[in-house]
Every structure is written in C-alpha cells, then in structure tokens.
Amino acid sequence: MDKLLDIGEVASRSGMAASTLRYYEREEILASADRHGLRRQYAVEVLDTLAIVAMCQRAGFTLAEIKTLLATGGDRAWKELAARKRDELRDQISHMTTIADQLDHALGCLSPNAFDCEHFQAALHHALPVTRVKTAPATE
C-alpha cells in the first residue's frame, strides 16, 4: 500500500485547515483512503486534488463546478465546463475593466461633485438591467 498522509500532514502541506479537509470530504470533493484511529488518512495524490481546488477557487469556480470538474477525471468532458467558465471569466474581466476605467475617470474628474459628473451620470444610465428613461421635472 502506498504511503498515506495523516490529516494533519495534509493540512500542513496544503495550507488548508483540517476542518476544510473534512468539509471537502463531506461535500465529496475529497475521499480519505483510511483511518488511523479516529484520524483520517489520505493518499499522497490528495495534494494534487487540493491544488486543483485552490486554483479553481482563485479563478472563481464554485464548489459545485469544482466537484463536476474533478468528476471528469481530467478527460475531455472537462473542456466544456472549462470553456464555459473561461467565457464567464472574460465577461467578468471586461466588466471589471470598465469599472476600473470609470473609477480612473472619477478620481481625475474636475467636477465639484463626482455624482454630478456627466461621465458618472452616463455610467448610471447603463448600471441597471433595464434602460432608464429620463423623466421631466414635475409641473404644477
């Protein structure tokens, strides 16, 4: 039998808390290989799995998406999920770049009140999912 790692050693090597490892096991993202008394034992390959989990989390994958990705075993099926996530990330990057550009403008804006800035008002017009219609002032 290959060498097994105690939960404490996996926690130390991965930088993840033992409670996180137990949670991942409950969520069926990891599986312990054995127990030594009450302590979980894991195959050395669990470190690769945890690295995949950490990498995917940094990229914005949900735990459900990570679980689905891991279930493919790295076969061709993972590419469909990866392509969808890549496209989602590119949309988010585009959106965040737009926001960063708007903040750059706001930081350098000469308007006495940033909320009155024409550029800011134009950004507000596109902020809601429904196009806003300018309303005329009420007349008495």
N, C-alpha and C. Protein backbone atom coordinates (compact mmCIF):
# COMPACT_ATOMS: atom_id res chain seq x y z
N MET A 1 0.85 -1.18 0.00
CA MET A 1 0.00 0.00 0.00
C MET A 1 0.89 1.24 0.00
N ASP A 2 0.53 2.23 -0.81
CA ASP A 2 1.29 3.47 -0.86
C ASP A 2 1.19 4.18 0.47
N LYS A 3 2.18 5.04 0.71
CA LYS A 3 2.21 5.82 1.95
C LYS A 3 0.98 6.71 2.03
N LEU A 4 0.37 6.74 3.18
CA LEU A 4 -0.78 7.60 3.42
C LEU A 4 -0.35 8.78 4.27
N LEU A 5 -1.02 9.89 4.08
CA LEU A 5 -0.74 11.10 4.84
C LEU A 5 -1.85 11.32 5.86
N ASP A 6 -1.46 11.61 7.07
CA ASP A 6 -2.39 11.94 8.13
C ASP A 6 -3.04 13.29 7.81
N ILE A 7 -4.25 13.51 8.27
CA ILE A 7 -4.98 14.75 8.00
C ILE A 7 -4.16 15.98 8.42
N GLY A 8 -3.42 15.87 9.53
CA GLY A 8 -2.60 16.98 9.98
C GLY A 8 -1.48 17.30 9.00
N GLU A 9 -0.88 16.25 8.43
CA GLU A 9 0.19 16.45 7.45
C GLU A 9 -0.37 17.05 6.15
N VAL A 10 -1.54 16.59 5.73
CA VAL A 10 -2.17 17.16 4.53
C VAL A 10 -2.50 18.63 4.78
N ALA A 11 -3.01 18.93 5.96
CA ALA A 11 -3.32 20.32 6.30
C ALA A 11 -2.05 21.17 6.26
N SER A 12 -0.98 20.65 6.82
CA SER A 12 0.28 21.38 6.85
C SER A 12 0.85 21.59 5.44
N ARG A 13 0.85 20.54 4.64
CA ARG A 13 1.41 20.62 3.29
C ARG A 13 0.57 21.47 2.33
N SER A 14 -0.74 21.50 2.57
CA SER A 14 -1.64 22.22 1.65
C SER A 14 -1.91 23.65 2.11
N GLY A 15 -1.67 23.92 3.39
CA GLY A 15 -2.01 25.23 3.94
C GLY A 15 -3.50 25.38 4.22
N MET A 16 -4.22 24.29 4.18
CA MET A 16 -5.66 24.30 4.45
C MET A 16 -5.92 23.71 5.83
N ALA A 17 -6.90 24.25 6.50
CA ALA A 17 -7.26 23.75 7.83
C ALA A 17 -7.83 22.34 7.73
N ALA A 18 -7.62 21.56 8.77
CA ALA A 18 -8.18 20.21 8.83
C ALA A 18 -9.70 20.26 8.69
N SER A 19 -10.32 21.29 9.26
CA SER A 19 -11.78 21.42 9.14
C SER A 19 -12.19 21.60 7.68
N THR A 20 -11.37 22.28 6.90
CA THR A 20 -11.66 22.45 5.46
C THR A 20 -11.58 21.10 4.76
N LEU A 21 -10.58 20.30 5.12
CA LEU A 21 -10.44 18.97 4.51
C LEU A 21 -11.65 18.11 4.85
N ARG A 22 -12.10 18.17 6.10
CA ARG A 22 -13.29 17.39 6.49
C ARG A 22 -14.52 17.88 5.73
N TYR A 23 -14.62 19.20 5.57
CA TYR A 23 -15.75 19.76 4.81
C TYR A 23 -15.72 19.27 3.36
N TYR A 24 -14.54 19.32 2.73
CA TYR A 24 -14.42 18.84 1.35
C TYR A 24 -14.78 17.36 1.25
N GLU A 25 -14.47 16.61 2.29
CA GLU A 25 -14.83 15.20 2.28
C GLU A 25 -16.35 15.03 2.38
N ARG A 26 -17.00 15.81 3.25
CA ARG A 26 -18.47 15.75 3.35
C ARG A 26 -19.13 16.14 2.02
N GLU A 27 -18.50 17.09 1.31
CA GLU A 27 -19.03 17.56 0.02
C GLU A 27 -18.61 16.66 -1.14
N GLU A 28 -17.91 15.58 -0.83
CA GLU A 28 -17.44 14.58 -1.81
C GLU A 28 -16.50 15.16 -2.85
N ILE A 29 -15.70 16.13 -2.42
CA ILE A 29 -14.64 16.67 -3.27
C ILE A 29 -13.36 15.86 -3.02
N LEU A 30 -13.19 15.39 -1.80
CA LEU A 30 -12.08 14.52 -1.41
C LEU A 30 -12.63 13.24 -0.84
N ALA A 31 -11.76 12.24 -0.80
CA ALA A 31 -12.11 11.00 -0.11
C ALA A 31 -10.89 10.55 0.67
N SER A 32 -11.09 10.23 1.94
CA SER A 32 -9.98 9.69 2.72
C SER A 32 -9.79 8.23 2.30
N ALA A 33 -8.56 7.78 2.40
CA ALA A 33 -8.25 6.41 1.98
C ALA A 33 -8.39 5.41 3.12
N ASP A 34 -8.23 5.92 4.35
CA ASP A 34 -8.25 5.03 5.51
C ASP A 34 -8.34 5.88 6.76
N ARG A 35 -8.33 5.22 7.90
CA ARG A 35 -8.28 5.90 9.20
C ARG A 35 -7.22 5.23 10.05
N HIS A 36 -6.56 6.04 10.83
CA HIS A 36 -5.62 5.53 11.83
C HIS A 36 -6.20 5.98 13.16
N GLY A 37 -6.91 5.10 13.83
CA GLY A 37 -7.69 5.50 15.00
C GLY A 37 -8.84 6.35 14.48
N LEU A 38 -8.97 7.56 15.02
CA LEU A 38 -10.03 8.46 14.56
C LEU A 38 -9.54 9.46 13.50
N ARG A 39 -8.25 9.40 13.18
CA ARG A 39 -7.68 10.38 12.25
C ARG A 39 -7.73 9.88 10.82
N ARG A 40 -8.22 10.75 9.95
CA ARG A 40 -8.31 10.42 8.53
C ARG A 40 -6.91 10.31 7.93
N GLN A 41 -6.81 9.42 6.96
CA GLN A 41 -5.58 9.22 6.21
C GLN A 41 -5.91 9.41 4.73
N TYR A 42 -5.02 10.08 4.02
CA TYR A 42 -5.25 10.39 2.60
C TYR A 42 -4.09 9.90 1.75
N ALA A 43 -4.40 9.51 0.53
CA ALA A 43 -3.36 9.18 -0.45
C ALA A 43 -2.60 10.46 -0.79
N VAL A 44 -1.34 10.34 -1.14
CA VAL A 44 -0.49 11.49 -1.46
C VAL A 44 -1.11 12.33 -2.58
N GLU A 45 -1.84 11.70 -3.50
CA GLU A 45 -2.45 12.41 -4.62
C GLU A 45 -3.49 13.44 -4.20
N VAL A 46 -3.93 13.38 -2.95
CA VAL A 46 -4.90 14.35 -2.47
C VAL A 46 -4.33 15.76 -2.56
N LEU A 47 -3.00 15.89 -2.49
CA LEU A 47 -2.38 17.21 -2.59
C LEU A 47 -2.59 17.81 -3.98
N ASP A 48 -2.56 16.96 -5.02
CA ASP A 48 -2.86 17.45 -6.37
C ASP A 48 -4.31 17.90 -6.47
N THR A 49 -5.20 17.11 -5.88
CA THR A 49 -6.62 17.47 -5.88
C THR A 49 -6.83 18.81 -5.17
N LEU A 50 -6.17 18.99 -4.04
CA LEU A 50 -6.31 20.25 -3.31
C LEU A 50 -5.72 21.42 -4.08
N ALA A 51 -4.66 21.18 -4.82
CA ALA A 51 -4.08 22.23 -5.66
C ALA A 51 -5.06 22.62 -6.77
N ILE A 52 -5.74 21.64 -7.35
CA ILE A 52 -6.76 21.92 -8.36
C ILE A 52 -7.89 22.73 -7.75
N VAL A 53 -8.33 22.33 -6.56
CA VAL A 53 -9.41 23.05 -5.86
C VAL A 53 -8.99 24.50 -5.62
N ALA A 54 -7.78 24.70 -5.10
CA ALA A 54 -7.31 26.06 -4.80
C ALA A 54 -7.20 26.90 -6.08
N MET A 55 -6.67 26.31 -7.14
CA MET A 55 -6.53 27.03 -8.40
C MET A 55 -7.90 27.42 -8.96
N CYS A 56 -8.83 26.49 -8.91
CA CYS A 56 -10.17 26.76 -9.43
C CYS A 56 -10.89 27.81 -8.58
N GLN A 57 -10.72 27.74 -7.27
CA GLN A 57 -11.36 28.74 -6.41
C GLN A 57 -10.84 30.13 -6.71
N ARG A 58 -9.53 30.26 -6.93
CA ARG A 58 -8.96 31.57 -7.27
C ARG A 58 -9.50 32.08 -8.60
N ALA A 59 -9.87 31.16 -9.47
CA ALA A 59 -10.42 31.55 -10.77
C ALA A 59 -11.92 31.80 -10.71
N GLY A 60 -12.54 31.61 -9.53
CA GLY A 60 -13.96 31.90 -9.38
C GLY A 60 -14.89 30.73 -9.56
N PHE A 61 -14.36 29.52 -9.64
CA PHE A 61 -15.23 28.35 -9.74
C PHE A 61 -15.96 28.15 -8.42
N THR A 62 -17.21 27.74 -8.49
CA THR A 62 -17.94 27.37 -7.28
C THR A 62 -17.52 25.96 -6.88
N LEU A 63 -17.83 25.56 -5.65
CA LEU A 63 -17.50 24.18 -5.24
C LEU A 63 -18.24 23.17 -6.09
N ALA A 64 -19.46 23.47 -6.49
CA ALA A 64 -20.21 22.56 -7.36
C ALA A 64 -19.50 22.39 -8.71
N GLU A 65 -18.99 23.50 -9.25
CA GLU A 65 -18.26 23.42 -10.52
C GLU A 65 -16.96 22.64 -10.36
N ILE A 66 -16.29 22.84 -9.23
CA ILE A 66 -15.04 22.11 -8.97
C ILE A 66 -15.32 20.62 -8.84
N LYS A 67 -16.40 20.29 -8.15
CA LYS A 67 -16.78 18.88 -7.98
C LYS A 67 -17.07 18.25 -9.35
N THR A 68 -17.77 18.97 -10.21
CA THR A 68 -18.06 18.48 -11.55
C THR A 68 -16.78 18.31 -12.35
N LEU A 69 -15.90 19.29 -12.26
CA LEU A 69 -14.62 19.23 -12.97
C LEU A 69 -13.80 18.02 -12.50
N LEU A 70 -13.71 17.82 -11.19
CA LEU A 70 -12.95 16.69 -10.65
C LEU A 70 -13.58 15.36 -11.06
N ALA A 71 -14.90 15.31 -11.16
CA ALA A 71 -15.59 14.07 -11.53
C ALA A 71 -15.24 13.62 -12.94
N THR A 72 -14.79 14.55 -13.79
CA THR A 72 -14.41 14.17 -15.16
C THR A 72 -13.09 13.40 -15.17
N GLY A 73 -12.34 13.50 -14.08
CA GLY A 73 -11.05 12.84 -14.03
C GLY A 73 -10.04 13.44 -15.00
N GLY A 74 -10.34 14.61 -15.52
CA GLY A 74 -9.44 15.26 -16.46
C GLY A 74 -9.67 14.83 -17.91
N ASP A 75 -10.68 13.99 -18.13
CA ASP A 75 -10.99 13.56 -19.50
C ASP A 75 -11.52 14.73 -20.32
N ARG A 76 -11.85 14.46 -21.57
CA ARG A 76 -12.28 15.51 -22.49
C ARG A 76 -13.50 16.27 -22.01
N ALA A 77 -14.34 15.68 -21.19
CA ALA A 77 -15.57 16.34 -20.72
C ALA A 77 -15.27 17.62 -19.94
N TRP A 78 -14.09 17.72 -19.33
CA TRP A 78 -13.76 18.91 -18.56
C TRP A 78 -13.67 20.13 -19.45
N LYS A 79 -13.37 19.95 -20.73
CA LYS A 79 -13.17 21.09 -21.64
C LYS A 79 -14.44 21.92 -21.81
N GLU A 80 -15.60 21.28 -21.83
CA GLU A 80 -16.85 22.02 -21.97
C GLU A 80 -17.07 22.94 -20.76
N LEU A 81 -16.87 22.39 -19.57
CA LEU A 81 -17.00 23.19 -18.35
C LEU A 81 -15.95 24.29 -18.33
N ALA A 82 -14.73 23.96 -18.69
CA ALA A 82 -13.65 24.95 -18.68
C ALA A 82 -13.92 26.06 -19.69
N ALA A 83 -14.44 25.73 -20.86
CA ALA A 83 -14.74 26.76 -21.87
C ALA A 83 -15.83 27.70 -21.39
N ARG A 84 -16.87 27.15 -20.75
CA ARG A 84 -17.94 28.00 -20.21
C ARG A 84 -17.39 28.93 -19.14
N LYS A 85 -16.56 28.40 -18.25
CA LYS A 85 -16.01 29.21 -17.18
C LYS A 85 -15.06 30.26 -17.74
N ARG A 86 -14.26 29.90 -18.74
CA ARG A 86 -13.36 30.86 -19.37
C ARG A 86 -14.15 32.03 -19.95
N ASP A 87 -15.24 31.73 -20.65
CA ASP A 87 -16.06 32.79 -21.23
C ASP A 87 -16.67 33.67 -20.14
N GLU A 88 -17.12 33.04 -19.06
CA GLU A 88 -17.68 33.79 -17.93
C GLU A 88 -16.61 34.71 -17.32
N LEU A 89 -15.41 34.18 -17.15
CA LEU A 89 -14.31 34.98 -16.60
C LEU A 89 -13.96 36.15 -17.51
N ARG A 90 -13.96 35.91 -18.81
CA ARG A 90 -13.65 37.00 -19.75
C ARG A 90 -14.72 38.09 -19.68
N ASP A 91 -15.98 37.70 -19.53
CA ASP A 91 -17.05 38.70 -19.35
C ASP A 91 -16.83 39.50 -18.07
N GLN A 92 -16.46 38.81 -17.00
CA GLN A 92 -16.21 39.49 -15.73
C GLN A 92 -15.01 40.43 -15.83
N ILE A 93 -13.98 40.00 -16.54
CA ILE A 93 -12.79 40.84 -16.72
C ILE A 93 -13.17 42.11 -17.48
N SER A 94 -13.97 41.95 -18.53
CA SER A 94 -14.40 43.11 -19.31
C SER A 94 -15.19 44.08 -18.44
N HIS A 95 -16.10 43.53 -17.65
CA HIS A 95 -16.92 44.36 -16.76
C HIS A 95 -16.05 45.08 -15.73
N MET A 96 -15.12 44.35 -15.13
CA MET A 96 -14.25 44.95 -14.12
C MET A 96 -13.33 46.00 -14.72
N THR A 97 -12.89 45.79 -15.96
CA THR A 97 -12.05 46.78 -16.64
C THR A 97 -12.84 48.06 -16.86
N THR A 98 -14.10 47.94 -17.24
CA THR A 98 -14.97 49.10 -17.42
C THR A 98 -15.12 49.86 -16.10
N ILE A 99 -15.34 49.13 -15.02
CA ILE A 99 -15.48 49.77 -13.71
C ILE A 99 -14.17 50.47 -13.31
N ALA A 100 -13.03 49.82 -13.55
CA ALA A 100 -11.74 50.43 -13.22
C ALA A 100 -11.53 51.71 -14.03
N ASP A 101 -11.93 51.68 -15.31
CA ASP A 101 -11.83 52.88 -16.15
C ASP A 101 -12.71 54.01 -15.60
N GLN A 102 -13.92 53.64 -15.15
CA GLN A 102 -14.82 54.65 -14.58
C GLN A 102 -14.25 55.23 -13.29
N LEU A 103 -13.63 54.40 -12.49
CA LEU A 103 -13.00 54.89 -11.27
C LEU A 103 -11.82 55.81 -11.59
N ASP A 104 -11.03 55.45 -12.62
CA ASP A 104 -9.94 56.32 -13.04
C ASP A 104 -10.47 57.70 -13.42
N HIS A 105 -11.58 57.72 -14.17
CA HIS A 105 -12.17 58.99 -14.54
C HIS A 105 -12.64 59.77 -13.30
N ALA A 106 -13.32 59.06 -12.42
CA ALA A 106 -13.85 59.72 -11.21
C ALA A 106 -12.72 60.31 -10.36
N LEU A 107 -11.62 59.60 -10.27
CA LEU A 107 -10.50 60.09 -9.46
C LEU A 107 -9.86 61.34 -10.05
N GLY A 108 -9.94 61.48 -11.37
CA GLY A 108 -9.35 62.66 -12.01
C GLY A 108 -10.37 63.69 -12.43
N CYS A 109 -11.63 63.45 -12.12
CA CYS A 109 -12.71 64.34 -12.57
C CYS A 109 -12.60 65.72 -11.90
N LEU A 110 -12.81 66.76 -12.71
CA LEU A 110 -12.73 68.13 -12.20
C LEU A 110 -14.07 68.63 -11.68
N SER A 111 -15.13 67.83 -11.86
CA SER A 111 -16.45 68.22 -11.37
C SER A 111 -16.40 68.38 -9.86
N PRO A 112 -17.03 69.45 -9.32
CA PRO A 112 -17.00 69.65 -7.86
C PRO A 112 -17.68 68.51 -7.10
N ASN A 113 -18.62 67.83 -7.71
CA ASN A 113 -19.31 66.71 -7.08
C ASN A 113 -19.29 65.56 -8.08
N ALA A 114 -18.63 64.46 -7.70
CA ALA A 114 -18.49 63.32 -8.61
C ALA A 114 -19.84 62.79 -9.07
N PHE A 115 -20.87 62.89 -8.23
CA PHE A 115 -22.19 62.38 -8.61
C PHE A 115 -22.85 63.22 -9.69
N ASP A 116 -22.41 64.47 -9.83
CA ASP A 116 -22.96 65.35 -10.86
C ASP A 116 -22.19 65.25 -12.18
N CYS A 117 -21.10 64.53 -12.18
CA CYS A 117 -20.26 64.38 -13.37
C CYS A 117 -21.06 63.75 -14.51
N GLU A 118 -20.94 64.32 -15.68
CA GLU A 118 -21.65 63.83 -16.87
C GLU A 118 -21.27 62.37 -17.16
N HIS A 119 -20.00 62.05 -17.02
CA HIS A 119 -19.50 60.70 -17.26
C HIS A 119 -20.12 59.72 -16.26
N PHE A 120 -20.19 60.13 -15.00
CA PHE A 120 -20.79 59.30 -13.95
C PHE A 120 -22.28 59.09 -14.23
N GLN A 121 -22.97 60.14 -14.62
CA GLN A 121 -24.40 60.04 -14.93
C GLN A 121 -24.63 59.08 -16.11
N ALA A 122 -23.75 59.13 -17.11
CA ALA A 122 -23.87 58.21 -18.25
C ALA A 122 -23.67 56.77 -17.79
N ALA A 123 -22.72 56.54 -16.88
CA ALA A 123 -22.48 55.20 -16.35
C ALA A 123 -23.69 54.70 -15.58
N LEU A 124 -24.34 55.59 -14.83
CA LEU A 124 -25.54 55.20 -14.09
C LEU A 124 -26.65 54.74 -15.02
N HIS A 125 -26.73 55.39 -16.15
CA HIS A 125 -27.77 55.05 -17.13
C HIS A 125 -27.67 53.58 -17.56
N HIS A 126 -26.44 53.05 -17.57
CA HIS A 126 -26.22 51.67 -18.03
C HIS A 126 -26.05 50.68 -16.88
N ALA A 127 -26.14 51.16 -15.65
CA ALA A 127 -25.88 50.30 -14.49
C ALA A 127 -27.01 49.33 -14.19
N LEU A 128 -28.22 49.71 -14.46
CA LEU A 128 -29.37 48.84 -14.16
C LEU A 128 -29.67 47.95 -15.36
N PRO A 129 -30.25 46.79 -15.11
CA PRO A 129 -30.54 45.88 -16.22
C PRO A 129 -31.62 46.40 -17.17
N VAL A 130 -32.39 47.38 -16.73
CA VAL A 130 -33.44 47.96 -17.56
C VAL A 130 -33.02 49.39 -17.89
N THR A 131 -33.18 49.79 -19.14
CA THR A 131 -32.81 51.14 -19.52
C THR A 131 -33.72 52.14 -18.85
N ARG A 132 -33.11 53.13 -18.25
CA ARG A 132 -33.88 54.15 -17.55
C ARG A 132 -34.26 55.24 -18.55
N VAL A 133 -35.43 55.77 -18.33
CA VAL A 133 -35.93 56.88 -19.16
C VAL A 133 -35.83 58.14 -18.33
N LYS A 134 -35.24 59.18 -18.91
CA LYS A 134 -35.18 60.44 -18.18
C LYS A 134 -36.59 60.98 -18.02
N THR A 135 -36.88 61.42 -16.82
CA THR A 135 -38.21 61.98 -16.57
C THR A 135 -38.09 63.49 -16.52
N ALA A 136 -39.11 64.14 -17.02
CA ALA A 136 -39.15 65.60 -16.99
C ALA A 136 -39.54 66.04 -15.58
N PRO A 137 -39.05 67.20 -15.15
CA PRO A 137 -39.45 67.68 -13.83
C PRO A 137 -40.97 67.84 -13.74
N ALA A 138 -41.49 67.56 -12.59
CA ALA A 138 -42.95 67.67 -12.38
C ALA A 138 -43.37 69.15 -12.49
N THR A 139 -44.50 69.35 -13.12
CA THR A 139 -45.06 70.71 -13.22
C THR A 139 -46.33 70.77 -12.40
N GLU A 140 -46.56 71.92 -11.88
CA GLU A 140 -47.77 72.08 -11.06
C GLU A 140 -48.88 72.69 -11.84
